[in-house]
Amino acid sequence: MLTKIPSVLFSGLEILPVDVEVNVASRGLPGFEIVGLPGKAIAESKERVKAAIVNSGMEFPSKKITVNLAPADIPKEGSFYDLPIAIGILSAIADFPIPEKSLFFGELSFDGSLRHTKGAFLLALFAKEHGFKNIFLPKDSVNEATVFPSINVYPTERLSQLLAHLFDRQKIIKAEFRKLDNLNLGDSEFDMMEVLGQEQAKRAMEIAAAGGHNVIMVGSPGSGKTMLARALPGILPLLSEQESLEVTKIYSASGNIPPGASMIKIRSFRSPHHSTSLAGLVGGGTNPQPGEISLAHRGVLFLDEFNEFPRSVLESLRQPLEDGVVTISRAKASVKYPARFILIASANPCPCGYLNHPKKECSCNIKEIKRYTKKISGPILDRIDLHIKVPVVDIDELAQDKRAVKFLESSELIRERVCKARKIQQKRFKGKYICSNAEMSNKDIKEYCPLPKDVEGILRQAANIFQFSARSYFKMIKIARTIADLQGIEEISASHMAEALQYRQE
């Protein structure tokens, strides 16, 4: 008896159709074999499926069982094939009908219960795009899949419960559709109002949030670099529906959506330690998984102690910073993950951290300082838009009552300006796959950022004096464009360009 159960294959964020073909033969020696380039987790599913069927009160057939995962020339990975394999075997021996346009997805425990399995959101997206109507998956994975109203999602706790549903003995109640607007939203842990002093740095953060620009902050320990970085998510706009889909796909593929959670609506903040490996930062593994830069997609990647990261790890950021995509190549597969993030890097001015400190003396010699600063290559620095120095704030200023300090703005107030600037950019780039000024190519800059003669003269003069690279030249225009957007002005003025030049690389 032959049965065929539709399933999927995850290759990065690409979702491919797979047929789980189950043949139960009366002739031949009893056995259970899985073919079609199965990975280790799939090969081990034989024991899980057999135990789950027996412990669900059914008899496992003493026949020759062969499972083929077609197409057979593509490697398969994942424990979610357990359920379609089990349903295929039981359908072949019990001859019960499989509902049309249905997908079965989930890892089986020995007792027949279904465990939370990563990738449920990607499965629902595949079902929506390929005309499937029903999805049966673990109860803990249901919320990921209930965002598309055209899909019936059935929360399944046990294999026996699913069989009762298929035999029309006791129907599983389908999960309710959840609108994106009904999901809980979160706020940043820090508020810009808590950062006393550092007005230039806070202004740079506002520009970065409005235009999606990368930032590097250099300052002594305790100057407020980390607090500034952690307050940045609080002034960023919420993810749009399209951005939310992009980010949720990444988190679903990597298994970072916790059981019971659904769509991701707030921008992520990732802060890996400087001991993070190359694979941990950019992604990798035998079956390539997304790294920190992809988990920070459309959000913030904060690299504290930037100079302490291994040079090879920092150099791996070149392509993602330029293209917004990371390509991971392996012998068995080559996958692409999106990685369009705002990089916030912080560094000390020297190994001891007190170079040019107003009260503490630096203990480093010139060679040590040069060796320390050379850890970050020129090409990496050239890809960072805003370069700012964060001076130490005087104790008297820190001790002031916040209510007595003038011009102290909350994150909510700054976010309003940022959102207005982002709306201007959305209107400007309508019909293009560009979300912010930082993503503009040189061709886009010439189209959307024409400079008046006096402004172009200022930029040319600065470029000659400071020996700008071509990238730095166009980078200044993008920053000036963002500053103009924050003021709601269509034409870039001399004052906008002058402010942009303050953030140049020295």
Protein backbone atom coordinates (compact mmCIF):
# COMPACT_ATOMS: atom_id res chain seq x y z
CA MET A 1 0.00 0.00 0.00
CA LEU A 2 1.40 3.41 -1.02
CA THR A 3 0.46 6.75 0.51
CA LYS A 4 1.78 10.23 -0.20
CA ILE A 5 1.76 13.04 2.39
CA PRO A 6 2.75 16.60 1.32
CA SER A 7 5.41 18.30 3.44
CA VAL A 8 8.12 20.97 3.14
CA LEU A 9 11.87 21.50 3.14
CA PHE A 10 13.55 24.54 4.72
CA SER A 11 16.67 25.83 2.96
CA GLY A 12 17.53 29.01 4.83
CA LEU A 13 14.34 31.06 4.45
CA GLU A 14 13.41 29.33 1.20
CA ILE A 15 10.57 26.82 1.53
CA LEU A 16 10.42 23.94 -0.96
CA PRO A 17 7.71 21.27 -1.40
CA VAL A 18 8.50 17.70 -0.36
CA ASP A 19 6.44 14.52 -0.74
CA VAL A 20 6.64 11.97 2.08
CA GLU A 21 6.01 8.72 0.20
CA VAL A 22 5.27 5.70 2.42
CA ASN A 23 5.18 2.18 1.01
CA VAL A 24 4.03 -0.68 3.26
CA ALA A 25 4.78 -3.98 1.51
CA SER A 26 3.41 -7.38 2.54
CA ARG A 27 6.30 -9.19 0.90
CA GLY A 28 9.88 -9.00 2.09
CA LEU A 29 11.53 -9.04 5.48
CA PRO A 30 9.99 -6.71 8.09
CA GLY A 31 11.92 -3.48 8.40
CA PHE A 32 11.70 0.30 8.49
CA GLU A 33 13.89 2.40 6.20
CA ILE A 34 13.95 6.10 5.29
CA VAL A 35 15.57 7.21 2.01
CA GLY A 36 15.87 10.53 0.17
CA LEU A 37 19.02 11.98 1.81
CA PRO A 38 17.62 12.20 5.37
CA GLY A 39 19.66 14.00 8.04
CA LYS A 40 20.48 12.47 11.42
CA ALA A 41 17.31 13.81 13.09
CA ILE A 42 15.19 12.21 10.35
CA ALA A 43 17.09 8.92 10.49
CA GLU A 44 16.41 8.76 14.23
CA SER A 45 12.70 9.43 13.65
CA LYS A 46 12.21 5.70 12.98
CA GLU A 47 12.44 5.00 16.72
CA ARG A 48 10.27 7.99 17.68
CA VAL A 49 7.54 7.12 15.16
CA LYS A 50 7.47 3.44 16.13
CA ALA A 51 7.28 4.18 19.88
CA ALA A 52 4.65 6.91 19.39
CA ILE A 53 2.37 4.60 17.39
CA VAL A 54 2.67 1.74 19.91
CA ASN A 55 2.20 4.02 22.94
CA SER A 56 -0.86 5.58 21.31
CA GLY A 57 -2.63 2.23 21.54
CA MET A 58 -2.00 0.94 18.01
CA GLU A 59 0.04 -1.90 16.61
CA PHE A 60 3.09 -1.07 14.55
CA PRO A 61 2.94 -3.14 11.32
CA SER A 62 5.39 -6.04 11.10
CA LYS A 63 5.98 -5.40 7.41
CA LYS A 64 8.57 -3.91 5.10
CA ILE A 65 8.12 -0.12 5.39
CA THR A 66 10.01 2.25 3.11
CA VAL A 67 9.72 6.03 3.39
CA ASN A 68 11.00 8.21 0.54
CA LEU A 69 11.45 11.96 0.94
CA ALA A 70 11.10 13.29 -2.60
CA PRO A 71 12.88 14.90 -4.37
CA ALA A 72 15.59 12.46 -3.37
CA ASP A 73 18.59 14.54 -4.51
CA ILE A 74 18.20 17.32 -1.90
CA PRO A 75 19.41 16.81 1.72
CA LYS A 76 16.62 17.00 4.33
CA GLU A 77 16.92 18.08 7.96
CA GLY A 78 14.45 18.41 10.81
CA SER A 79 12.41 16.42 13.31
CA PHE A 80 9.11 17.81 11.97
CA TYR A 81 8.91 14.91 9.48
CA ASP A 82 7.90 12.61 12.38
CA LEU A 83 4.19 13.40 12.11
CA PRO A 84 3.78 13.08 8.31
CA ILE A 85 5.73 9.79 8.39
CA ALA A 86 3.50 8.42 11.17
CA ILE A 87 0.31 9.52 9.39
CA GLY A 88 1.58 7.98 6.15
CA ILE A 89 2.23 4.61 7.81
CA LEU A 90 -1.10 4.54 9.65
CA SER A 91 -3.00 5.63 6.53
CA ALA A 92 -1.38 2.81 4.56
CA ILE A 93 -2.43 0.11 7.04
CA ALA A 94 -5.77 1.51 8.28
CA ASP A 95 -6.85 3.02 4.96
CA PHE A 96 -8.39 6.20 6.39
CA PRO A 97 -8.81 9.30 4.19
CA ILE A 98 -6.32 12.17 4.42
CA PRO A 99 -8.05 15.57 4.21
CA GLU A 100 -7.24 17.35 0.95
CA LYS A 101 -4.90 20.35 0.97
CA SER A 102 -3.58 19.43 4.44
CA LEU A 103 -0.10 19.59 5.98
CA PHE A 104 1.11 17.59 8.99
CA PHE A 105 4.05 19.01 10.95
CA GLY A 106 5.69 18.18 14.27
CA GLU A 107 8.12 16.12 16.32
CA LEU A 108 6.73 13.09 18.15
CA SER A 109 7.66 12.02 21.67
CA PHE A 110 7.78 8.33 22.61
CA ASP A 111 4.43 8.68 24.41
CA GLY A 112 2.73 10.00 21.26
CA SER A 113 2.60 13.66 22.29
CA LEU A 114 3.74 16.40 19.91
CA ARG A 115 6.60 18.68 20.87
CA HIS A 116 7.08 22.36 19.93
CA THR A 117 8.85 22.43 16.57
CA LYS A 118 10.59 25.39 14.95
CA GLY A 119 9.47 26.65 11.54
CA ALA A 120 5.67 26.73 12.05
CA PHE A 121 5.41 30.28 10.70
CA LEU A 122 7.33 29.34 7.56
CA LEU A 123 5.01 26.36 7.13
CA ALA A 124 1.93 28.61 7.34
CA LEU A 125 3.47 30.97 4.80
CA PHE A 126 4.10 28.04 2.44
CA ALA A 127 0.50 26.83 2.93
CA LYS A 128 -0.86 30.28 2.10
CA GLU A 129 1.25 30.60 -1.06
CA HIS A 130 0.52 27.06 -2.33
CA GLY A 131 -3.21 26.81 -1.66
CA PHE A 132 -3.23 24.50 1.38
CA LYS A 133 -6.25 24.87 3.65
CA ASN A 134 -5.42 22.87 6.80
CA ILE A 135 -2.37 22.56 9.06
CA PHE A 136 -2.05 20.04 11.91
CA LEU A 137 0.83 20.93 14.23
CA PRO A 138 1.87 20.90 17.92
CA LYS A 139 -0.27 22.98 20.25
CA ASP A 140 2.75 24.98 21.48
CA SER A 141 3.60 25.99 17.89
CA VAL A 142 0.10 27.11 16.90
CA ASN A 143 0.38 30.86 17.55
CA GLU A 144 3.13 31.19 14.95
CA ALA A 145 0.77 29.88 12.28
CA THR A 146 -2.50 31.66 13.11
CA VAL A 147 -1.71 34.92 11.31
CA PHE A 148 -3.26 34.01 7.96
CA PRO A 149 -7.10 33.91 7.93
CA SER A 150 -7.26 31.59 4.91
CA ILE A 151 -5.52 28.73 6.78
CA ASN A 152 -7.27 26.41 9.25
CA VAL A 153 -4.77 25.64 12.03
CA TYR A 154 -5.49 22.64 14.28
CA PRO A 155 -3.62 22.55 17.63
CA THR A 156 -2.70 18.91 18.18
CA GLU A 157 -1.47 17.56 21.51
CA ARG A 158 -1.21 13.82 20.79
CA LEU A 159 -1.10 11.41 17.86
CA SER A 160 -4.19 9.60 19.20
CA GLN A 161 -6.09 12.91 19.25
CA LEU A 162 -5.23 13.52 15.59
CA LEU A 163 -6.37 10.01 14.63
CA ALA A 164 -9.69 10.54 16.43
CA HIS A 165 -10.13 13.69 14.35
CA LEU A 166 -9.30 11.93 11.07
CA PHE A 167 -11.71 9.06 11.89
CA ASP A 168 -14.45 11.64 12.70
CA ARG A 169 -14.70 10.39 16.29
CA GLN A 170 -13.78 13.66 18.02
CA LYS A 171 -12.96 16.79 16.06
CA ILE A 172 -10.10 19.11 17.02
CA ILE A 173 -11.28 22.70 17.42
CA LYS A 174 -9.30 24.92 15.07
CA ALA A 175 -7.32 27.83 16.49
CA GLU A 176 -8.61 31.39 16.16
CA PHE A 177 -7.05 33.78 13.68
CA ARG A 178 -4.96 36.47 15.39
CA LYS A 179 -4.72 39.92 13.84
CA LEU A 180 -1.33 41.62 13.91
CA ASP A 181 -2.83 44.66 15.65
CA ASN A 182 -3.99 42.52 18.58
CA LEU A 183 -0.51 41.32 19.53
CA ASN A 184 1.22 42.68 22.61
CA LEU A 185 3.84 45.32 21.91
CA GLY A 186 6.91 46.02 24.04
CA ASP A 187 8.88 49.13 24.94
CA SER A 188 12.59 49.78 25.33
CA GLU A 189 14.12 49.21 28.74
CA PHE A 190 15.83 52.62 28.70
CA ASP A 191 14.55 56.13 27.94
CA MET A 192 16.63 58.88 26.34
CA MET A 193 15.49 61.14 29.18
CA GLU A 194 17.66 59.07 31.52
CA VAL A 195 20.79 60.00 29.55
CA LEU A 196 22.05 63.26 31.04
CA GLY A 197 24.36 65.36 28.90
CA GLN A 198 25.65 63.83 25.65
CA GLU A 199 23.44 66.05 23.48
CA GLN A 200 25.52 65.45 20.34
CA ALA A 201 25.45 61.69 20.88
CA LYS A 202 21.67 61.72 21.41
CA ARG A 203 21.28 63.76 18.24
CA ALA A 204 23.39 61.20 16.36
CA MET A 205 21.14 58.41 17.68
CA GLU A 206 18.08 60.29 16.44
CA ILE A 207 19.62 60.64 12.98
CA ALA A 208 20.60 56.96 13.01
CA ALA A 209 17.06 55.91 13.92
CA ALA A 210 15.49 58.19 11.31
CA GLY A 211 17.70 57.11 8.41
CA GLY A 212 18.89 53.62 9.41
CA HIS A 213 22.51 54.77 9.69
CA ASN A 214 25.35 52.90 11.42
CA VAL A 215 27.10 54.54 14.39
CA ILE A 216 30.40 54.16 16.21
CA MET A 217 30.86 55.80 19.62
CA VAL A 218 34.30 56.31 21.13
CA GLY A 219 34.62 57.30 24.77
CA SER A 220 36.01 56.39 28.16
CA PRO A 221 34.34 53.79 30.42
CA GLY A 222 31.24 55.16 32.15
CA SER A 223 30.56 57.89 29.61
CA GLY A 224 27.13 56.48 28.72
CA LYS A 225 27.80 54.62 25.45
CA THR A 226 25.95 51.46 26.47
CA MET A 227 22.93 53.36 27.80
CA LEU A 228 22.70 55.36 24.56
CA ALA A 229 22.77 52.16 22.52
CA ARG A 230 20.16 50.43 24.68
CA ALA A 231 17.86 53.46 24.47
CA LEU A 232 17.93 53.41 20.65
CA PRO A 233 15.14 50.78 20.19
CA GLY A 234 12.83 53.10 22.15
CA ILE A 235 13.01 55.79 19.44
CA LEU A 236 12.64 53.42 16.49
CA PRO A 237 9.24 53.01 14.80
CA LEU A 238 7.41 49.69 15.07
CA LEU A 239 7.98 47.17 12.31
CA SER A 240 5.71 47.50 9.30
CA GLU A 241 3.69 44.43 8.30
CA GLN A 242 6.21 43.51 5.58
CA GLU A 243 9.17 44.01 7.94
CA SER A 244 7.39 41.95 10.60
CA LEU A 245 6.99 39.08 8.13
CA GLU A 246 10.71 39.24 7.25
CA VAL A 247 11.85 39.19 10.88
CA THR A 248 9.39 36.51 11.99
CA LYS A 249 10.57 34.23 9.16
CA ILE A 250 14.14 34.46 10.47
CA TYR A 251 13.16 33.82 14.08
CA SER A 252 10.90 30.93 13.08
CA ALA A 253 13.65 29.30 10.99
CA SER A 254 16.15 29.57 13.84
CA GLY A 255 13.72 28.41 16.54
CA ASN A 256 13.93 31.69 18.45
CA ILE A 257 10.17 32.23 18.70
CA PRO A 258 9.25 30.91 22.17
CA PRO A 259 6.35 28.44 22.51
CA GLY A 260 3.02 30.26 22.49
CA ALA A 261 4.42 33.42 20.87
CA SER A 262 3.40 34.78 17.48
CA MET A 263 4.45 37.55 15.09
CA ILE A 264 7.35 39.82 16.03
CA LYS A 265 6.26 43.47 15.90
CA ILE A 266 9.01 45.29 17.81
CA ARG A 267 12.52 45.80 16.47
CA SER A 268 15.09 43.42 17.88
CA PHE A 269 18.12 44.49 19.91
CA ARG A 270 21.01 42.03 19.74
CA SER A 271 24.14 42.50 21.83
CA PRO A 272 26.59 39.61 21.35
CA HIS A 273 29.68 39.38 23.56
CA HIS A 274 33.06 40.16 21.98
CA SER A 275 34.03 36.48 22.39
CA THR A 276 31.29 35.49 19.90
CA SER A 277 32.56 33.24 17.12
CA LEU A 278 32.38 33.99 13.41
CA ALA A 279 29.56 31.47 12.95
CA GLY A 280 27.71 32.92 15.93
CA LEU A 281 27.81 36.43 14.48
CA VAL A 282 27.17 35.91 10.76
CA GLY A 283 25.62 32.43 10.86
CA GLY A 284 26.88 28.99 9.94
CA GLY A 285 26.87 25.33 10.82
CA THR A 286 26.56 22.17 8.73
CA ASN A 287 22.92 23.06 8.20
CA PRO A 288 23.43 26.86 7.99
CA GLN A 289 21.54 28.76 10.68
CA PRO A 290 21.11 32.55 10.96
CA GLY A 291 23.58 34.40 13.18
CA GLU A 292 23.30 37.53 15.29
CA ILE A 293 23.38 39.88 12.29
CA SER A 294 20.32 38.18 10.79
CA LEU A 295 18.51 38.06 14.14
CA ALA A 296 19.10 41.84 14.26
CA HIS A 297 17.46 42.30 10.82
CA ARG A 298 15.42 45.54 10.75
CA GLY A 299 16.60 46.13 14.32
CA VAL A 300 19.78 47.05 16.20
CA LEU A 301 23.07 45.16 16.45
CA PHE A 302 25.10 46.53 19.37
CA LEU A 303 28.76 45.53 19.42
CA ASP A 304 30.21 46.75 22.70
CA GLU A 305 34.01 46.79 23.06
CA PHE A 306 34.27 46.86 19.26
CA ASN A 307 38.08 46.69 19.31
CA GLU A 308 38.01 43.49 21.35
CA PHE A 309 36.25 41.44 18.65
CA PRO A 310 38.64 39.26 16.62
CA ARG A 311 39.64 40.98 13.39
CA SER A 312 38.33 38.10 11.28
CA VAL A 313 34.90 38.46 12.92
CA LEU A 314 34.77 42.21 12.25
CA GLU A 315 35.90 41.78 8.64
CA SER A 316 33.01 39.37 8.07
CA LEU A 317 30.67 42.36 8.47
CA ARG A 318 31.84 43.96 5.22
CA GLN A 319 29.34 42.31 2.88
CA PRO A 320 26.30 42.50 5.22
CA LEU A 321 26.93 46.19 5.97
CA GLU A 322 27.11 46.92 2.25
CA ASP A 323 24.38 44.64 0.85
CA GLY A 324 22.06 43.92 3.78
CA VAL A 325 22.40 40.19 3.03
CA VAL A 326 24.75 37.45 4.25
CA THR A 327 25.55 34.41 2.12
CA ILE A 328 26.63 31.23 3.94
CA SER A 329 28.20 28.61 1.69
CA ARG A 330 28.69 25.00 2.72
CA ALA A 331 29.47 21.78 0.85
CA LYS A 332 25.84 20.64 1.03
CA ALA A 333 24.10 24.00 0.70
CA SER A 334 24.45 27.72 0.14
CA VAL A 335 21.83 29.91 1.78
CA LYS A 336 21.15 33.63 2.05
CA TYR A 337 19.77 35.38 5.12
CA PRO A 338 18.71 39.04 5.26
CA ALA A 339 20.87 41.21 7.52
CA ARG A 340 19.71 44.82 7.20
CA PHE A 341 20.42 46.19 10.67
CA ILE A 342 21.57 49.39 12.36
CA LEU A 343 25.07 48.76 13.68
CA ILE A 344 25.90 50.54 16.93
CA ALA A 345 29.55 50.03 17.84
CA SER A 346 31.21 51.35 20.97
CA ALA A 347 34.91 51.47 21.73
CA ASN A 348 37.38 52.89 24.20
CA PRO A 349 39.94 55.39 22.88
CA CYS A 350 42.85 53.22 24.11
CA PRO A 351 43.49 49.92 25.94
CA CYS A 352 43.15 51.46 29.42
CA GLY A 353 40.22 53.59 28.25
CA TYR A 354 41.34 56.95 29.65
CA LEU A 355 43.04 58.70 26.73
CA ASN A 356 42.13 62.44 26.88
CA HIS A 357 40.15 61.87 30.09
CA PRO A 358 39.77 65.17 32.00
CA LYS A 359 40.60 63.65 35.41
CA LYS A 360 42.29 60.28 34.93
CA GLU A 361 45.70 59.75 33.39
CA CYS A 362 46.15 57.37 30.46
CA SER A 363 48.66 54.58 31.16
CA CYS A 364 49.13 53.52 27.52
CA ASN A 365 52.13 54.31 25.32
CA ILE A 366 51.86 55.42 21.69
CA LYS A 367 52.57 51.93 20.28
CA GLU A 368 49.83 50.37 22.39
CA ILE A 369 47.32 53.01 21.30
CA LYS A 370 48.19 52.54 17.61
CA ARG A 371 48.00 48.77 17.89
CA TYR A 372 44.63 49.07 19.63
CA THR A 373 43.06 51.41 17.07
CA LYS A 374 44.38 49.36 14.14
CA LYS A 375 42.24 46.40 15.20
CA ILE A 376 39.39 48.03 13.26
CA SER A 377 40.22 48.19 9.56
CA GLY A 378 39.65 51.18 7.31
CA PRO A 379 37.03 49.43 5.13
CA ILE A 380 34.91 48.63 8.19
CA LEU A 381 35.12 52.21 9.51
CA ASP A 382 34.29 53.49 6.03
CA ARG A 383 31.01 51.56 6.16
CA ILE A 384 29.95 53.29 9.39
CA ASP A 385 28.06 56.53 8.77
CA LEU A 386 28.17 58.42 12.06
CA HIS A 387 31.42 58.71 14.04
CA ILE A 388 30.96 60.38 17.43
CA LYS A 389 33.06 61.00 20.51
CA VAL A 390 31.30 60.51 23.82
CA PRO A 391 32.97 62.64 26.53
CA VAL A 392 32.74 61.90 30.23
CA VAL A 393 29.83 63.73 31.90
CA ASP A 394 30.69 65.83 34.94
CA ILE A 395 29.43 64.52 38.29
CA ASP A 396 27.63 67.80 39.03
CA GLU A 397 25.62 67.41 35.82
CA LEU A 398 24.75 63.79 36.66
CA ALA A 399 23.56 64.83 40.14
CA GLN A 400 21.08 67.39 38.79
CA ASP A 401 17.36 66.79 39.18
CA LYS A 402 16.03 65.72 35.78
CA ARG A 403 13.04 68.03 36.24
CA ALA A 404 15.37 71.02 36.49
CA VAL A 405 17.27 70.21 33.30
CA LYS A 406 16.01 72.06 30.22
CA PHE A 407 15.61 70.43 26.80
CA LEU A 408 15.49 66.92 28.26
CA GLU A 409 13.44 64.95 25.74
CA SER A 410 11.80 61.58 26.27
CA SER A 411 12.18 58.69 23.84
CA GLU A 412 8.50 59.05 22.94
CA LEU A 413 8.99 62.65 21.80
CA ILE A 414 12.07 61.77 19.75
CA ARG A 415 10.28 58.76 18.25
CA GLU A 416 7.52 61.04 16.94
CA ARG A 417 10.09 62.97 14.89
CA VAL A 418 11.73 59.74 13.75
CA CYS A 419 8.39 58.30 12.61
CA LYS A 420 7.60 61.46 10.62
CA ALA A 421 10.99 61.23 8.89
CA ARG A 422 10.44 57.53 8.13
CA LYS A 423 7.03 58.30 6.60
CA ILE A 424 8.68 60.84 4.30
CA GLN A 425 11.14 58.13 3.22
CA GLN A 426 8.36 55.58 2.68
CA LYS A 427 6.64 58.02 0.35
CA ARG A 428 9.92 58.80 -1.43
CA PHE A 429 10.85 55.16 -2.03
CA LYS A 430 7.35 53.86 -2.78
CA GLY A 431 7.55 50.98 -5.23
CA LYS A 432 11.21 50.26 -4.41
CA TYR A 433 12.65 47.77 -1.95
CA ILE A 434 14.21 50.57 0.11
CA CYS A 435 13.04 51.35 3.64
CA SER A 436 15.45 54.09 4.70
CA ASN A 437 17.95 56.63 3.40
CA ALA A 438 20.90 54.47 4.46
CA GLU A 439 19.86 51.81 1.92
CA MET A 440 20.16 54.14 -1.09
CA SER A 441 22.64 53.19 -3.80
CA ASN A 442 24.74 55.85 -5.54
CA LYS A 443 22.20 55.84 -8.38
CA ASP A 444 19.36 56.42 -5.90
CA ILE A 445 21.28 59.27 -4.27
CA LYS A 446 21.61 61.08 -7.60
CA GLU A 447 17.87 60.62 -8.19
CA TYR A 448 16.52 61.54 -4.75
CA CYS A 449 19.19 63.85 -3.29
CA PRO A 450 20.00 66.65 -5.76
CA LEU A 451 22.32 69.18 -4.12
CA PRO A 452 22.14 72.95 -4.65
CA LYS A 453 25.42 74.41 -5.94
CA ASP A 454 26.40 75.98 -2.60
CA VAL A 455 25.80 72.70 -0.73
CA GLU A 456 27.73 70.72 -3.32
CA GLY A 457 30.58 73.22 -2.99
CA ILE A 458 30.73 72.68 0.79
CA LEU A 459 30.81 68.92 0.33
CA ARG A 460 33.49 69.05 -2.39
CA GLN A 461 35.67 71.29 -0.25
CA ALA A 462 35.34 68.96 2.74
CA ALA A 463 36.03 65.93 0.54
CA ASN A 464 39.30 67.47 -0.67
CA ILE A 465 40.42 68.57 2.80
CA PHE A 466 39.60 65.31 4.58
CA GLN A 467 40.33 63.04 1.58
CA PHE A 468 36.96 61.30 1.46
CA SER A 469 36.58 58.00 -0.30
CA ALA A 470 33.75 57.70 -2.83
CA ARG A 471 31.72 55.83 -0.20
CA SER A 472 32.28 58.58 2.38
CA TYR A 473 31.30 61.26 -0.15
CA PHE A 474 27.91 59.68 -0.84
CA LYS A 475 27.52 58.79 2.83
CA MET A 476 27.55 62.48 3.77
CA ILE A 477 24.73 63.14 1.29
CA LYS A 478 22.62 60.36 2.82
CA ILE A 479 23.13 61.73 6.33
CA ALA A 480 22.26 65.26 5.19
CA ARG A 481 19.13 63.87 3.51
CA THR A 482 18.06 62.31 6.82
CA ILE A 483 18.67 65.54 8.74
CA ALA A 484 16.49 67.40 6.22
CA ASP A 485 13.78 64.73 6.60
CA LEU A 486 13.80 65.19 10.38
CA GLN A 487 13.01 68.86 9.79
CA GLY A 488 10.44 68.05 7.11
CA ILE A 489 12.38 70.00 4.46
CA GLU A 490 12.55 68.70 0.90
CA GLU A 491 15.78 70.40 -0.23
CA ILE A 492 19.11 69.69 1.45
CA SER A 493 20.55 72.97 2.73
CA ALA A 494 24.03 74.11 3.73
CA SER A 495 23.17 73.72 7.44
CA HIS A 496 22.10 70.10 6.86
CA MET A 497 25.37 69.31 5.13
CA ALA A 498 27.40 71.15 7.77
CA GLU A 499 25.83 69.04 10.52
CA ALA A 500 26.38 65.85 8.52
CA LEU A 501 30.09 66.67 8.18
CA GLN A 502 30.41 66.79 11.97
CA TYR A 503 29.94 63.03 12.01
CA ARG A 504 32.70 62.24 9.51
CA GLN A 505 35.46 59.74 10.19
CA GLU A 506 38.56 61.54 11.47
